[in-house]
PDB file of N, CA and C in Angstrom:
ATOM      1  N   UNK A   1      -5.999 -23.188  -1.363  1.00  0.00           N
ATOM      2  CA  UNK A   1      -4.739 -23.521  -0.747  1.00  0.00           C
ATOM      3  C   UNK A   1      -4.282 -22.327   0.005  1.00  0.00           C
ATOM      4  N   UNK A   2      -4.559 -21.096  -0.443  1.00  0.00           N
ATOM      5  CA  UNK A   2      -4.201 -19.792   0.118  1.00  0.00           C
ATOM      6  C   UNK A   2      -4.807 -19.876   1.597  1.00  0.00           C
ATOM      7  N   UNK A   3      -6.034 -20.056   1.818  1.00  0.00           N
ATOM      8  CA  UNK A   3      -6.590 -20.045   3.082  1.00  0.00           C
ATOM      9  C   UNK A   3      -6.089 -21.074   4.004  1.00  0.00           C
ATOM     10  N   UNK A   4      -5.903 -22.206   3.534  1.00  0.00           N
ATOM     11  CA  UNK A   4      -5.289 -23.412   4.339  1.00  0.00           C
ATOM     12  C   UNK A   4      -3.944 -22.983   4.879  1.00  0.00           C
ATOM     13  N   UNK A   5      -3.047 -22.447   4.002  1.00  0.00           N
ATOM     14  CA  UNK A   5      -1.665 -22.123   4.348  1.00  0.00           C
ATOM     15  C   UNK A   5      -1.609 -20.849   5.338  1.00  0.00           C
ATOM     16  N   UNK A   6      -2.537 -19.938   4.991  1.00  0.00           N
ATOM     17  CA  UNK A   6      -2.551 -18.784   5.794  1.00  0.00           C
ATOM     18  C   UNK A   6      -3.212 -18.959   7.186  1.00  0.00           C
ATOM     19  N   UNK A   7      -4.101 -19.961   7.264  1.00  0.00           N
ATOM     20  CA  UNK A   7      -4.773 -20.194   8.587  1.00  0.00           C
ATOM     21  C   UNK A   7      -4.095 -21.265   9.410  1.00  0.00           C
ATOM     22  N   UNK A   8      -3.260 -22.111   8.864  1.00  0.00           N
ATOM     23  CA  UNK A   8      -2.628 -23.078   9.714  1.00  0.00           C
ATOM     24  C   UNK A   8      -1.075 -23.183   9.673  1.00  0.00           C
ATOM     25  N   UNK A   9      -0.469 -22.609  10.717  1.00  0.00           N
ATOM     26  CA  UNK A   9       1.084 -22.752  10.704  1.00  0.00           C
ATOM     27  C   UNK A   9       1.642 -24.050  10.641  1.00  0.00           C
ATOM     28  N   UNK A  10       0.903 -25.104  11.183  1.00  0.00           N
ATOM     29  CA  UNK A  10       1.352 -26.438  11.151  1.00  0.00           C
ATOM     30  C   UNK A  10       1.368 -26.963   9.757  1.00  0.00           C
ATOM     31  N   UNK A  11       0.283 -26.758   8.963  1.00  0.00           N
ATOM     32  CA  UNK A  11       0.096 -27.034   7.638  1.00  0.00           C
ATOM     33  C   UNK A  11       1.291 -26.337   6.773  1.00  0.00           C
ATOM     34  N   UNK A  12       1.391 -25.046   7.026  1.00  0.00           N
ATOM     35  CA  UNK A  12       2.494 -24.286   6.211  1.00  0.00           C
ATOM     36  C   UNK A  12       3.821 -24.955   6.495  1.00  0.00           C
ATOM     37  N   UNK A  13       4.202 -25.346   7.619  1.00  0.00           N
ATOM     38  CA  UNK A  13       5.570 -25.959   8.052  1.00  0.00           C
ATOM     39  C   UNK A  13       5.612 -27.163   7.285  1.00  0.00           C
ATOM     40  N   UNK A  14       4.473 -27.979   7.365  1.00  0.00           N
ATOM     41  CA  UNK A  14       4.471 -29.300   6.587  1.00  0.00           C
ATOM     42  C   UNK A  14       4.659 -29.210   5.163  1.00  0.00           C
ATOM     43  N   UNK A  15       4.042 -28.292   4.514  1.00  0.00           N
ATOM     44  CA  UNK A  15       4.220 -28.144   3.093  1.00  0.00           C
ATOM     45  C   UNK A  15       5.693 -27.595   2.828  1.00  0.00           C
ATOM     46  N   UNK A  16       6.204 -26.715   3.503  1.00  0.00           N
ATOM     47  CA  UNK A  16       7.468 -26.168   3.347  1.00  0.00           C
ATOM     48  C   UNK A  16       8.472 -27.496   3.455  1.00  0.00           C
ATOM     49  N   UNK A  17       8.227 -28.373   4.503  1.00  0.00           N
ATOM     50  CA  UNK A  17       9.107 -29.468   4.749  1.00  0.00           C
ATOM     51  C   UNK A  17       9.200 -30.564   3.471  1.00  0.00           C
ATOM     52  N   UNK A  18       7.784 -30.758   2.943  1.00  0.00           N
ATOM     53  CA  UNK A  18       7.683 -31.527   1.833  1.00  0.00           C
ATOM     54  C   UNK A  18       8.291 -31.051   0.658  1.00  0.00           C
ATOM     55  N   UNK A  19       8.211 -29.732   0.476  1.00  0.00           N
ATOM     56  CA  UNK A  19       8.806 -29.038  -0.628  1.00  0.00           C
ATOM     57  C   UNK A  19      10.459 -29.113  -0.620  1.00  0.00           C
ATOM     58  N   UNK A  20      10.952 -28.963   0.513  1.00  0.00           N
ATOM     59  CA  UNK A  20      12.345 -28.972   0.614  1.00  0.00           C
ATOM     60  C   UNK A  20      12.828 -30.529   0.276  1.00  0.00           C
ATOM     61  N   UNK A  21      12.220 -31.563   0.740  1.00  0.00           N
ATOM     62  CA  UNK A  21      12.458 -32.807   0.451  1.00  0.00           C
ATOM     63  C   UNK A  21      12.381 -33.102  -1.153  1.00  0.00           C
ATOM     64  N   UNK A  22      11.454 -32.465  -1.717  1.00  0.00           N
ATOM     65  CA  UNK A  22      11.279 -32.664  -3.147  1.00  0.00           C
ATOM     66  C   UNK A  22      12.353 -31.869  -4.001  1.00  0.00           C
ATOM     67  N   UNK A  23      12.765 -30.722  -3.442  1.00  0.00           N
ATOM     68  CA  UNK A  23      13.750 -29.920  -4.112  1.00  0.00           C
ATOM     69  C   UNK A  23      15.162 -30.447  -3.946  1.00  0.00           C
ATOM     70  N   UNK A  24      15.406 -31.455  -3.001  1.00  0.00           N
ATOM     71  CA  UNK A  24      16.664 -31.978  -2.833  1.00  0.00           C
ATOM     72  C   UNK A  24      16.988 -32.893  -4.098  1.00  0.00           C
ATOM     73  N   UNK A  25      16.053 -33.184  -4.783  1.00  0.00           N
ATOM     74  CA  UNK A  25      16.258 -34.045  -6.073  1.00  0.00           C
ATOM     75  C   UNK A  25      16.635 -33.160  -7.294  1.00  0.00           C
ATOM     76  N   UNK A  26      16.625 -31.827  -7.133  1.00  0.00           N
ATOM     77  CA  UNK A  26      17.011 -30.897  -8.210  1.00  0.00           C
ATOM     78  C   UNK A  26      18.513 -31.203  -8.501  1.00  0.00           C
ATOM     79  N   UNK A  27      18.872 -31.507  -9.796  1.00  0.00           N
ATOM     80  CA  UNK A  27      20.262 -31.675 -10.137  1.00  0.00           C
ATOM     81  C   UNK A  27      21.232 -30.552  -9.580  1.00  0.00           C
ATOM     82  N   UNK A  28      22.532 -30.791  -9.343  1.00  0.00           N
ATOM     83  CA  UNK A  28      23.284 -29.852  -8.622  1.00  0.00           C
ATOM     84  C   UNK A  28      23.511 -28.637  -9.549  1.00  0.00           C
ATOM     85  N   UNK A  29      23.649 -28.863 -10.878  1.00  0.00           N
ATOM     86  CA  UNK A  29      23.876 -27.811 -11.686  1.00  0.00           C
ATOM     87  C   UNK A  29      22.657 -26.740 -11.723  1.00  0.00           C
ATOM     88  N   UNK A  30      21.482 -27.241 -11.678  1.00  0.00           N
ATOM     89  CA  UNK A  30      20.343 -26.465 -11.634  1.00  0.00           C
ATOM     90  C   UNK A  30      20.241 -25.670 -10.327  1.00  0.00           C
ATOM     91  N   UNK A  31      20.653 -26.388  -9.158  1.00  0.00           N
ATOM     92  CA  UNK A  31      20.570 -25.771  -7.908  1.00  0.00           C
ATOM     93  C   UNK A  31      21.608 -24.668  -7.880  1.00  0.00           C
ATOM     94  N   UNK A  32      22.745 -24.853  -8.466  1.00  0.00           N
ATOM     95  CA  UNK A  32      23.740 -23.681  -8.548  1.00  0.00           C
ATOM     96  C   UNK A  32      23.196 -22.545  -9.435  1.00  0.00           C
ATOM     97  N   UNK A  33      22.570 -22.783 -10.466  1.00  0.00           N
ATOM     98  CA  UNK A  33      21.944 -21.609 -11.315  1.00  0.00           C
ATOM     99  C   UNK A  33      20.901 -20.874 -10.601  1.00  0.00           C
ATOM    100  N   UNK A  34      19.961 -21.789 -10.014  1.00  0.00           N
ATOM    101  CA  UNK A  34      18.782 -21.165  -9.278  1.00  0.00           C
ATOM    102  C   UNK A  34      19.225 -20.337  -8.122  1.00  0.00           C
ATOM    103  N   UNK A  35      20.175 -20.948  -7.329  1.00  0.00           N
ATOM    104  CA  UNK A  35      20.599 -20.224  -6.087  1.00  0.00           C
ATOM    105  C   UNK A  35      21.340 -18.966  -6.469  1.00  0.00           C
ATOM    106  N   UNK A  36      22.070 -18.808  -7.590  1.00  0.00           N
ATOM    107  CA  UNK A  36      22.733 -17.587  -7.974  1.00  0.00           C
ATOM    108  C   UNK A  36      21.635 -16.622  -8.382  1.00  0.00           C
ATOM    109  N   UNK A  37      20.642 -17.108  -9.045  1.00  0.00           N
ATOM    110  CA  UNK A  37      19.470 -16.293  -9.480  1.00  0.00           C
ATOM    111  C   UNK A  37      18.742 -15.746  -8.306  1.00  0.00           C
ATOM    112  N   UNK A  38      18.565 -16.561  -7.188  1.00  0.00           N
ATOM    113  CA  UNK A  38      17.879 -16.158  -6.010  1.00  0.00           C
ATOM    114  C   UNK A  38      18.683 -15.379  -5.062  1.00  0.00           C
ATOM    115  N   UNK A  39      20.051 -15.392  -5.321  1.00  0.00           N
ATOM    116  CA  UNK A  39      21.075 -14.572  -4.454  1.00  0.00           C
ATOM    117  C   UNK A  39      21.073 -15.301  -3.126  1.00  0.00           C
ATOM    118  N   UNK A  40      21.198 -16.662  -3.157  1.00  0.00           N
ATOM    119  CA  UNK A  40      21.377 -17.434  -1.957  1.00  0.00           C
ATOM    120  C   UNK A  40      22.516 -18.392  -2.290  1.00  0.00           C
ATOM    121  N   UNK A  41      23.207 -18.956  -1.303  1.00  0.00           N
ATOM    122  CA  UNK A  41      24.099 -19.971  -1.447  1.00  0.00           C
ATOM    123  C   UNK A  41      23.512 -21.311  -1.782  1.00  0.00           C
ATOM    124  N   UNK A  42      24.198 -22.101  -2.600  1.00  0.00           N
ATOM    125  CA  UNK A  42      23.583 -23.432  -3.109  1.00  0.00           C
ATOM    126  C   UNK A  42      23.121 -24.331  -1.952  1.00  0.00           C
ATOM    127  N   UNK A  43      23.635 -24.194  -0.899  1.00  0.00           N
ATOM    128  CA  UNK A  43      23.305 -25.115   0.308  1.00  0.00           C
ATOM    129  C   UNK A  43      21.965 -24.536   1.048  1.00  0.00           C
ATOM    130  N   UNK A  44      21.624 -23.275   0.705  1.00  0.00           N
ATOM    131  CA  UNK A  44      20.391 -22.689   1.217  1.00  0.00           C
ATOM    132  C   UNK A  44      19.230 -22.835   0.163  1.00  0.00           C
ATOM    133  N   UNK A  45      19.527 -23.267  -1.099  1.00  0.00           N
ATOM    134  CA  UNK A  45      18.573 -23.200  -2.201  1.00  0.00           C
ATOM    135  C   UNK A  45      17.233 -23.791  -1.736  1.00  0.00           C
ATOM    136  N   UNK A  46      17.242 -25.045  -1.193  1.00  0.00           N
ATOM    137  CA  UNK A  46      15.915 -25.714  -0.967  1.00  0.00           C
ATOM    138  C   UNK A  46      15.085 -24.930   0.045  1.00  0.00           C
ATOM    139  N   UNK A  47      15.667 -24.496   1.163  1.00  0.00           N
ATOM    140  CA  UNK A  47      14.896 -23.785   2.296  1.00  0.00           C
ATOM    141  C   UNK A  47      14.304 -22.419   1.614  1.00  0.00           C
ATOM    142  N   UNK A  48      15.273 -21.742   0.907  1.00  0.00           N
ATOM    143  CA  UNK A  48      14.994 -20.419   0.331  1.00  0.00           C
ATOM    144  C   UNK A  48      13.793 -20.543  -0.583  1.00  0.00           C
ATOM    145  N   UNK A  49      14.014 -21.542  -1.508  1.00  0.00           N
ATOM    146  CA  UNK A  49      12.977 -21.616  -2.534  1.00  0.00           C
ATOM    147  C   UNK A  49      11.743 -22.076  -1.935  1.00  0.00           C
ATOM    148  N   UNK A  50      11.573 -23.019  -1.047  1.00  0.00           N
ATOM    149  CA  UNK A  50      10.382 -23.506  -0.481  1.00  0.00           C
ATOM    150  C   UNK A  50       9.620 -22.356   0.394  1.00  0.00           C
ATOM    151  N   UNK A  51      10.415 -21.679   1.168  1.00  0.00           N
ATOM    152  CA  UNK A  51       9.890 -20.714   2.112  1.00  0.00           C
ATOM    153  C   UNK A  51       9.286 -19.583   1.230  1.00  0.00           C
ATOM    154  N   UNK A  52       9.992 -19.134   0.186  1.00  0.00           N
ATOM    155  CA  UNK A  52       9.495 -18.061  -0.556  1.00  0.00           C
ATOM    156  C   UNK A  52       8.308 -18.435  -1.345  1.00  0.00           C
ATOM    157  N   UNK A  53       8.199 -19.647  -1.952  1.00  0.00           N
ATOM    158  CA  UNK A  53       7.069 -20.007  -2.621  1.00  0.00           C
ATOM    159  C   UNK A  53       5.834 -20.186  -1.765  1.00  0.00           C
ATOM    160  N   UNK A  54       6.127 -21.031  -0.719  1.00  0.00           N
ATOM    161  CA  UNK A  54       4.938 -21.225   0.382  1.00  0.00           C
ATOM    162  C   UNK A  54       4.487 -19.931   0.851  1.00  0.00           C
ATOM    163  N   UNK A  55       5.301 -19.022   1.222  1.00  0.00           N
ATOM    164  CA  UNK A  55       4.909 -17.803   1.802  1.00  0.00           C
ATOM    165  C   UNK A  55       4.081 -17.047   0.716  1.00  0.00           C
ATOM    166  N   UNK A  56       4.441 -17.021  -0.463  1.00  0.00           N
ATOM    167  CA  UNK A  56       3.838 -16.338  -1.534  1.00  0.00           C
ATOM    168  C   UNK A  56       2.438 -16.930  -1.731  1.00  0.00           C
ATOM    169  N   UNK A  57       2.326 -18.315  -1.689  1.00  0.00           N
ATOM    170  CA  UNK A  57       1.054 -18.865  -1.869  1.00  0.00           C
ATOM    171  C   UNK A  57       0.111 -18.580  -0.705  1.00  0.00           C
ATOM    172  N   UNK A  58       0.719 -18.494   0.567  1.00  0.00           N
ATOM    173  CA  UNK A  58      -0.109 -18.137   1.744  1.00  0.00           C
ATOM    174  C   UNK A  58      -0.625 -16.785   1.755  1.00  0.00           C
ATOM    175  N   UNK A  59       0.259 -15.879   1.262  1.00  0.00           N
ATOM    176  CA  UNK A  59      -0.080 -14.425   1.183  1.00  0.00           C
ATOM    177  C   UNK A  59      -0.970 -14.017   0.091  1.00  0.00           C
ATOM    178  N   UNK A  60      -1.254 -15.033  -0.857  1.00  0.00           N
ATOM    179  CA  UNK A  60      -1.986 -14.783  -2.079  1.00  0.00           C
ATOM    180  C   UNK A  60      -1.272 -14.090  -3.264  1.00  0.00           C
ATOM    181  N   UNK A  61       0.034 -13.937  -3.203  1.00  0.00           N
ATOM    182  CA  UNK A  61       0.789 -13.194  -4.290  1.00  0.00           C
ATOM    183  C   UNK A  61       0.890 -14.150  -5.526  1.00  0.00           C
ATOM    184  N   UNK A  62       0.691 -15.548  -5.334  1.00  0.00           N
ATOM    185  CA  UNK A  62       0.642 -16.375  -6.571  1.00  0.00           C
ATOM    186  C   UNK A  62      -0.358 -17.425  -6.118  1.00  0.00           C
ATOM    187  N   UNK A  63      -0.849 -18.080  -7.144  1.00  0.00           N
ATOM    188  CA  UNK A  63      -1.811 -19.195  -6.864  1.00  0.00           C
ATOM    189  C   UNK A  63      -1.200 -20.385  -7.224  1.00  0.00           C
ATOM    190  N   UNK A  64      -1.743 -21.524  -6.728  1.00  0.00           N
ATOM    191  CA  UNK A  64      -1.333 -22.846  -7.017  1.00  0.00           C
ATOM    192  C   UNK A  64      -1.133 -23.091  -8.442  1.00  0.00           C
ATOM    193  N   UNK A  65      -2.124 -22.648  -9.249  1.00  0.00           N
ATOM    194  CA  UNK A  65      -2.215 -22.822 -10.621  1.00  0.00           C
ATOM    195  C   UNK A  65      -0.870 -22.095 -11.231  1.00  0.00           C
ATOM    196  N   UNK A  66      -0.605 -20.846 -10.837  1.00  0.00           N
ATOM    197  CA  UNK A  66       0.687 -20.244 -11.261  1.00  0.00           C
ATOM    198  C   UNK A  66       1.910 -21.139 -11.000  1.00  0.00           C
ATOM    199  N   UNK A  67       1.852 -21.816  -9.767  1.00  0.00           N
ATOM    200  CA  UNK A  67       2.965 -22.680  -9.591  1.00  0.00           C
ATOM    201  C   UNK A  67       3.037 -23.924 -10.485  1.00  0.00           C
ATOM    202  N   UNK A  68       1.833 -24.502 -10.627  1.00  0.00           N
ATOM    203  CA  UNK A  68       1.796 -25.590 -11.523  1.00  0.00           C
ATOM    204  C   UNK A  68       2.142 -25.411 -12.938  1.00  0.00           C
ATOM    205  N   UNK A  69       1.990 -24.303 -13.403  1.00  0.00           N
ATOM    206  CA  UNK A  69       2.138 -23.828 -14.730  1.00  0.00           C
ATOM    207  C   UNK A  69       3.722 -23.633 -15.147  1.00  0.00           C
ATOM    208  N   UNK A  70       4.577 -23.572 -13.964  1.00  0.00           N
ATOM    209  CA  UNK A  70       5.962 -23.495 -14.188  1.00  0.00           C
ATOM    210  C   UNK A  70       6.585 -24.383 -15.062  1.00  0.00           C
ATOM    211  N   UNK A  71       6.116 -25.663 -15.175  1.00  0.00           N
ATOM    212  CA  UNK A  71       6.609 -26.736 -16.074  1.00  0.00           C
ATOM    213  C   UNK A  71       6.267 -26.595 -17.371  1.00  0.00           C
ATOM    214  N   UNK A  72       5.326 -25.620 -17.710  1.00  0.00           N
ATOM    215  CA  UNK A  72       4.933 -25.545 -19.170  1.00  0.00           C
ATOM    216  C   UNK A  72       5.808 -24.508 -19.763  1.00  0.00           C
ATOM    217  N   UNK A  73       6.284 -24.826 -21.011  1.00  0.00           N
ATOM    218  CA  UNK A  73       7.243 -24.013 -21.670  1.00  0.00           C
ATOM    219  C   UNK A  73       6.536 -22.637 -22.161  1.00  0.00           C
ATOM    220  N   UNK A  74       5.262 -22.485 -22.129  1.00  0.00           N
ATOM    221  CA  UNK A  74       4.586 -21.438 -22.564  1.00  0.00           C
ATOM    222  C   UNK A  74       4.105 -20.585 -21.367  1.00  0.00           C
ATOM    223  N   UNK A  75       4.512 -20.884 -20.247  1.00  0.00           N
ATOM    224  CA  UNK A  75       3.861 -20.245 -18.856  1.00  0.00           C
ATOM    225  C   UNK A  75       4.505 -18.788 -18.923  1.00  0.00           C
ATOM    226  N   UNK A  76       3.680 -17.960 -18.279  1.00  0.00           N
ATOM    227  CA  UNK A  76       4.202 -16.692 -17.795  1.00  0.00           C
ATOM    228  C   UNK A  76       4.762 -16.887 -16.427  1.00  0.00           C
ATOM    229  N   UNK A  77       6.069 -16.862 -16.220  1.00  0.00           N
ATOM    230  CA  UNK A  77       6.553 -17.209 -14.976  1.00  0.00           C
ATOM    231  C   UNK A  77       6.981 -15.887 -14.273  1.00  0.00           C
ATOM    232  N   UNK A  78       6.692 -14.785 -14.703  1.00  0.00           N
ATOM    233  CA  UNK A  78       7.165 -13.430 -14.241  1.00  0.00           C
ATOM    234  C   UNK A  78       6.769 -13.341 -12.609  1.00  0.00           C
ATOM    235  N   UNK A  79       5.721 -13.688 -12.302  1.00  0.00           N
ATOM    236  CA  UNK A  79       5.363 -13.616 -10.860  1.00  0.00           C
ATOM    237  C   UNK A  79       6.099 -14.540 -10.076  1.00  0.00           C
ATOM    238  N   UNK A  80       6.352 -15.795 -10.437  1.00  0.00           N
ATOM    239  CA  UNK A  80       7.114 -16.705  -9.645  1.00  0.00           C
ATOM    240  C   UNK A  80       8.628 -16.301  -9.695  1.00  0.00           C
ATOM    241  N   UNK A  81       9.141 -15.738 -10.741  1.00  0.00           N
ATOM    242  CA  UNK A  81      10.515 -15.286 -10.792  1.00  0.00           C
ATOM    243  C   UNK A  81      10.861 -14.290  -9.725  1.00  0.00           C
ATOM    244  N   UNK A  82       9.888 -13.238  -9.638  1.00  0.00           N
ATOM    245  CA  UNK A  82       9.873 -12.211  -8.647  1.00  0.00           C
ATOM    246  C   UNK A  82       9.916 -12.949  -7.217  1.00  0.00           C
ATOM    247  N   UNK A  83       9.125 -13.800  -7.044  1.00  0.00           N
ATOM    248  CA  UNK A  83       9.039 -14.445  -5.641  1.00  0.00           C
ATOM    249  C   UNK A  83      10.355 -15.171  -5.301  1.00  0.00           C
ATOM    250  N   UNK A  84      10.746 -15.927  -6.374  1.00  0.00           N
ATOM    251  CA  UNK A  84      12.091 -16.523  -6.140  1.00  0.00           C
ATOM    252  C   UNK A  84      13.066 -15.652  -5.894  1.00  0.00           C
ATOM    253  N   UNK A  85      13.158 -14.518  -6.444  1.00  0.00           N
ATOM    254  CA  UNK A  85      14.162 -13.494  -6.088  1.00  0.00           C
ATOM    255  C   UNK A  85      13.863 -12.736  -4.747  1.00  0.00           C
ATOM    256  N   UNK A  86      12.890 -13.162  -4.077  1.00  0.00           N
ATOM    257  CA  UNK A  86      12.535 -12.446  -2.788  1.00  0.00           C
ATOM    258  C   UNK A  86      11.901 -11.115  -2.937  1.00  0.00           C
ATOM    259  N   UNK A  87      11.299 -10.865  -4.035  1.00  0.00           N
ATOM    260  CA  UNK A  87      10.618  -9.558  -4.212  1.00  0.00           C
ATOM    261  C   UNK A  87       9.158  -9.715  -4.151  1.00  0.00           C
TER     262      UNK A  87
END
């Protein structure tokens, strides 16, 4: 995934767009919490979240496996948290 996102701006834009559509389903309460955590306004949550995650995947700062593990209660999410915060 890293090579594909890094090598193709069109694919990267498409993945970000799909991510934004998916993140729109996030409940309003969670969006408010996440956006405060990310230091963005709730109306910018989806775009900020997706851009930060996809750019991190493209840059190799996280792997797709790291991203997938976020739903696991035992996952080490420290890398992804830093990326969500824009670090």
